[in-house]
Amino acid sequence: MSAKRFAIIAISFLSIGTVLVLSLGCSKDDPVGPIIPAPVIDIFTASPNDIVPPDSSLITWKARMADSVKLYPSSQKLTPVDSGQIYVKPTIPTTYSLVAYSGGGKDSSAVTVVMTALAANIATFRITPDTLVNGDSSILGWRTRQADSIVINQGIGRVNPSDTGKITIFPMNTATYRAIAYSIYGNDTILINVRVKKPVLVRAMNGSYYKGVMGSTQLSPALRFAVADAASNLLDNLWIKLRVLQGDGVLSPTDSVLTNSMGIADVTYDFDGLLGHAVISGNFRSIDTVDVYLRANTLIPGVGGQGQYILFSELYSDVKNYNGNPVAEAEDPFQWLCYADYEAALHTVFVIQDTNHTGFPENIEHVYAIILTSGYTGKTRDSIGIGTTYNEIKAVYGSPDTIIYDPTPPPALVFFYDALGMVFFTDTVTGSPLDTNETVFEIHMSDLVSRRVAAKVIDKEVLHSKDSPINYRRFRK
């Protein structure tokens, strides 16, 4: 065979080989084998899923494209693979898992069978009282069913017995208490709150000074107490202890008063006795105490006398607390006395002892006397006051110590009652004869205690000074 023929045969075999290689799929873009899909679990249930042992639950499954399925935690291989049912009888709450396998992967699903009827249950968990003052105690009580143990937070921990019990607690702050009851069949949790009040002071809501009316419970402003914490929040449902430090009237409530839901406690005082003043104390335990001062608009002569809400020997600051600021202030040019003029509005002038010799009344200086002029309506308990006749005065107080005639306009007969510290001025034309039906147009009431301590007496001479900007009669040493 010729060489040319050999060459042709070789080329033919090479061409056939190339075709065979191409036909066998040596191209990298062609698949090398079939794709196996992953399994899918369509159904996995437990019915019922809440049982009471030794009852059973029916597990139902359905899977696709799975080579095998297994049930956990028992690792039991289930057949048939695609679907089926099997009973389980757990004795404690159990989570069952189904896992489906194939060459393409796996799928899983889970279901839990519980025993809620046998789970621990907290029937009662309470704090009594659930609102208290810091330092006080409460009773924390519990009652459980089917619990192996119970644990309470706030530093209490595990308590015994677990079924029922109580302990004394001393909560210092508002807090939430949590109780957890445990059993192998399930737990139960309850939260309760305790409110702790922290009072720091008792407050008189409308200030320290109150004006009243004899024979009445009318007070202005209204008398109200409250208990407050450090942030000035008013605290509700707290008992404020009440006491009458001075006074012979009727306090209501008598012994203690409860703050309402807004933290306010309303109190009344009836000026039904002889005294026109009272001091009421309100306190909460030993935390704080506040005193309030009550005055009725009455005239009380003698030691401990009173007029225009002011007790003799009280301070000039008290005069202003009850009556506001005067229209004018003046100095007596003959002695160390000052005058606070309320005549236009209240028909009253207060005489203040100028103990500091400054020439004007100071808040820390005391009331020495009160001058009451025409228009003043306050009366004594015997109805003696402006407009009273000499006969009416004599019927109550007897004969005066001294009677003088004052010709200074307007002329007056002046009646001195030294033991009462009272001087009455009645109308007159000539000073004689004595007209016992003339009415009083001015009254001077002085502080007997201060005058006695200072060894002073009322001078029988009454001074009317035209140099003073305030036109009224005055005392002189």
Foldseek 3Di string as FASTA:
>chain_A
DDPVVVVVVVVVVVVVVVVVVVVVPPDPPDDPDDAQAEKAKDDWDWPPLADAPQDKIKTKTAMPSFPWKAKPPVRHTDPPHGIDIDIDGDNAWDKMKMWGHDPRGIDMDIDIRAHVVLWKAWPDWDWVPLEEAQVDKIKTWTAIPNFPWKAKDPPPGTDPDRGIDIDIDGDRAWDKMKMWTGDRRYIDIDIDIGHYDYFQEKDFPPDFEWEDAAQDQDIPPFTKMFTAHPVRQTDFFAKKFKDWPDADWAKPVHTIFGGHPRRITGITTHNHDQDQKTKMWIHHDPRYIDIHIYGYQAFDFAAQTDHQRDTFFAFPLVVCVRPNAAPDKFADPAAQWIWGHNCVPAQKIWIWGNPVPPGTGDRGTTTFKMKHFAPHCHYHPLRDDFFDFQVSVCVVLNAAPDWDWDVPPVTWIWGHHFRRQKIFTFGDDPPPDDDRGTTTGMMMHGHPVVCVVVVHGFDPDWDADPPIPDGDIDTDD
